[in-house]
Amino acid sequence: MPIVTVQMLEGRSDDQKRALVEKVTAAVSETIDAPKERISVVIDEMKPTNFGVAGIRQSDK
């Protein structure tokens, strides 16, 4: 049972997240020949204040 975790900044619409889950599931199914009903996708959203790149928080940009 594959479990895929996607970490991203919050702010995407429900439609975008729905499409992400559908496409990630399809990609995993096609790549490792796993049945779609056995694939789980977890979206872990972060606040921009909790993520930084090169010493700068995304909320400070």
N, C-alpha and C. Protein backbone atom coordinates (compact mmCIF):
# COMPACT_ATOMS: atom_id res chain seq x y z
N MET A 1 0.83 -1.18 0.00
CA MET A 1 0.00 0.00 0.00
C MET A 1 0.88 1.24 0.00
N PRO A 2 1.09 1.84 -1.16
CA PRO A 2 1.89 3.07 -1.22
C PRO A 2 1.18 4.24 -0.54
N ILE A 3 1.95 5.00 0.21
CA ILE A 3 1.46 6.24 0.82
C ILE A 3 2.38 7.36 0.35
N VAL A 4 1.81 8.35 -0.32
CA VAL A 4 2.58 9.47 -0.84
C VAL A 4 2.22 10.71 -0.04
N THR A 5 3.24 11.41 0.46
CA THR A 5 3.01 12.66 1.18
C THR A 5 3.53 13.82 0.34
N VAL A 6 2.67 14.80 0.13
CA VAL A 6 3.03 16.00 -0.61
C VAL A 6 3.05 17.15 0.39
N GLN A 7 4.20 17.77 0.54
CA GLN A 7 4.31 18.94 1.42
C GLN A 7 4.36 20.18 0.54
N MET A 8 3.51 21.16 0.88
CA MET A 8 3.48 22.39 0.09
C MET A 8 2.92 23.52 0.94
N LEU A 9 3.16 24.73 0.49
CA LEU A 9 2.61 25.89 1.17
C LEU A 9 1.09 25.92 0.97
N GLU A 10 0.39 26.38 1.99
CA GLU A 10 -1.06 26.48 1.88
C GLU A 10 -1.44 27.54 0.85
N GLY A 11 -2.68 27.45 0.39
CA GLY A 11 -3.15 28.47 -0.53
C GLY A 11 -3.72 27.93 -1.83
N ARG A 12 -3.64 26.61 -2.04
CA ARG A 12 -4.21 26.03 -3.26
C ARG A 12 -5.70 25.82 -3.07
N SER A 13 -6.43 25.85 -4.17
CA SER A 13 -7.87 25.64 -4.12
C SER A 13 -8.19 24.15 -3.97
N ASP A 14 -9.42 23.86 -3.60
CA ASP A 14 -9.85 22.46 -3.51
C ASP A 14 -9.73 21.77 -4.86
N ASP A 15 -10.05 22.49 -5.94
CA ASP A 15 -9.92 21.89 -7.27
C ASP A 15 -8.48 21.52 -7.59
N GLN A 16 -7.53 22.38 -7.22
CA GLN A 16 -6.12 22.08 -7.46
C GLN A 16 -5.67 20.87 -6.65
N LYS A 17 -6.10 20.79 -5.40
CA LYS A 17 -5.72 19.66 -4.55
C LYS A 17 -6.37 18.37 -5.05
N ARG A 18 -7.59 18.45 -5.51
CA ARG A 18 -8.28 17.29 -6.07
C ARG A 18 -7.51 16.76 -7.29
N ALA A 19 -7.13 17.67 -8.17
CA ALA A 19 -6.37 17.29 -9.37
C ALA A 19 -5.01 16.70 -8.99
N LEU A 20 -4.36 17.27 -7.99
CA LEU A 20 -3.07 16.76 -7.53
C LEU A 20 -3.20 15.31 -7.04
N VAL A 21 -4.22 15.05 -6.21
CA VAL A 21 -4.43 13.70 -5.69
C VAL A 21 -4.71 12.73 -6.85
N GLU A 22 -5.53 13.13 -7.80
CA GLU A 22 -5.85 12.26 -8.94
C GLU A 22 -4.60 11.94 -9.77
N LYS A 23 -3.80 12.96 -10.06
CA LYS A 23 -2.63 12.77 -10.93
C LYS A 23 -1.50 12.02 -10.23
N VAL A 24 -1.29 12.30 -8.95
CA VAL A 24 -0.26 11.56 -8.20
C VAL A 24 -0.66 10.10 -8.11
N THR A 25 -1.94 9.84 -7.83
CA THR A 25 -2.41 8.46 -7.77
C THR A 25 -2.20 7.75 -9.09
N ALA A 26 -2.55 8.40 -10.19
CA ALA A 26 -2.37 7.80 -11.52
C ALA A 26 -0.90 7.53 -11.82
N ALA A 27 -0.02 8.48 -11.47
CA ALA A 27 1.41 8.31 -11.73
C ALA A 27 1.98 7.14 -10.94
N VAL A 28 1.61 7.03 -9.67
CA VAL A 28 2.11 5.94 -8.84
C VAL A 28 1.57 4.61 -9.37
N SER A 29 0.31 4.58 -9.70
CA SER A 29 -0.30 3.35 -10.22
C SER A 29 0.40 2.88 -11.50
N GLU A 30 0.63 3.80 -12.41
CA GLU A 30 1.28 3.46 -13.68
C GLU A 30 2.74 3.06 -13.48
N THR A 31 3.43 3.73 -12.58
CA THR A 31 4.86 3.50 -12.40
C THR A 31 5.18 2.19 -11.70
N ILE A 32 4.42 1.88 -10.66
CA ILE A 32 4.74 0.66 -9.89
C ILE A 32 3.66 -0.41 -9.99
N ASP A 33 2.72 -0.20 -10.92
CA ASP A 33 1.66 -1.18 -11.18
C ASP A 33 0.87 -1.51 -9.92
N ALA A 34 0.56 -0.48 -9.14
CA ALA A 34 -0.24 -0.66 -7.93
C ALA A 34 -1.69 -0.31 -8.24
N PRO A 35 -2.63 -1.04 -7.67
CA PRO A 35 -4.04 -0.68 -7.88
C PRO A 35 -4.36 0.66 -7.23
N LYS A 36 -5.09 1.49 -7.94
CA LYS A 36 -5.40 2.84 -7.45
C LYS A 36 -6.08 2.82 -6.09
N GLU A 37 -6.92 1.82 -5.84
CA GLU A 37 -7.64 1.78 -4.57
C GLU A 37 -6.73 1.48 -3.38
N ARG A 38 -5.48 1.12 -3.62
CA ARG A 38 -4.52 0.86 -2.54
C ARG A 38 -3.56 2.01 -2.32
N ILE A 39 -3.66 3.08 -3.11
CA ILE A 39 -2.73 4.22 -3.04
C ILE A 39 -3.36 5.34 -2.21
N SER A 40 -2.62 5.82 -1.22
CA SER A 40 -3.07 6.95 -0.40
C SER A 40 -2.19 8.16 -0.68
N VAL A 41 -2.80 9.32 -0.73
CA VAL A 41 -2.07 10.58 -0.92
C VAL A 41 -2.43 11.50 0.25
N VAL A 42 -1.40 12.01 0.92
CA VAL A 42 -1.58 12.92 2.04
C VAL A 42 -1.02 14.28 1.64
N ILE A 43 -1.84 15.32 1.76
CA ILE A 43 -1.37 16.68 1.49
C ILE A 43 -1.11 17.35 2.84
N ASP A 44 0.14 17.74 3.04
CA ASP A 44 0.56 18.40 4.27
C ASP A 44 0.86 19.86 3.93
N GLU A 45 -0.05 20.75 4.33
CA GLU A 45 0.11 22.17 4.01
C GLU A 45 0.81 22.91 5.14
N MET A 46 1.70 23.80 4.76
CA MET A 46 2.44 24.60 5.73
C MET A 46 2.09 26.07 5.55
N LYS A 47 2.12 26.81 6.63
CA LYS A 47 1.98 28.25 6.56
C LYS A 47 3.30 28.83 6.05
N PRO A 48 3.26 29.89 5.25
CA PRO A 48 4.49 30.51 4.75
C PRO A 48 5.43 30.97 5.87
N THR A 49 4.89 31.20 7.07
CA THR A 49 5.74 31.60 8.19
C THR A 49 6.57 30.42 8.71
N ASN A 50 6.20 29.21 8.32
CA ASN A 50 6.89 28.01 8.81
C ASN A 50 7.81 27.37 7.78
N PHE A 51 8.13 28.09 6.70
CA PHE A 51 8.98 27.52 5.65
C PHE A 51 9.90 28.60 5.10
N GLY A 52 11.17 28.28 5.01
CA GLY A 52 12.13 29.23 4.48
C GLY A 52 13.10 28.60 3.51
N VAL A 53 13.63 29.41 2.62
CA VAL A 53 14.65 28.99 1.66
C VAL A 53 15.76 30.03 1.70
N ALA A 54 16.98 29.57 1.79
CA ALA A 54 18.16 30.45 1.79
C ALA A 54 18.10 31.46 2.93
N GLY A 55 17.56 31.04 4.06
CA GLY A 55 17.52 31.90 5.23
C GLY A 55 16.39 32.91 5.26
N ILE A 56 15.46 32.81 4.29
CA ILE A 56 14.35 33.77 4.22
C ILE A 56 13.04 33.00 4.26
N ARG A 57 12.19 33.36 5.22
CA ARG A 57 10.87 32.73 5.27
C ARG A 57 10.06 33.17 4.06
N GLN A 58 9.21 32.28 3.57
CA GLN A 58 8.37 32.61 2.43
C GLN A 58 7.43 33.76 2.74
N SER A 59 7.02 33.89 3.99
CA SER A 59 6.14 34.98 4.37
C SER A 59 6.84 36.34 4.37
N ASP A 60 8.17 36.35 4.36
CA ASP A 60 8.93 37.60 4.38
C ASP A 60 9.30 38.09 2.99
N LYS A 61 8.94 37.35 1.99
CA LYS A 61 9.28 37.76 0.61
C LYS A 61 8.39 38.86 0.12
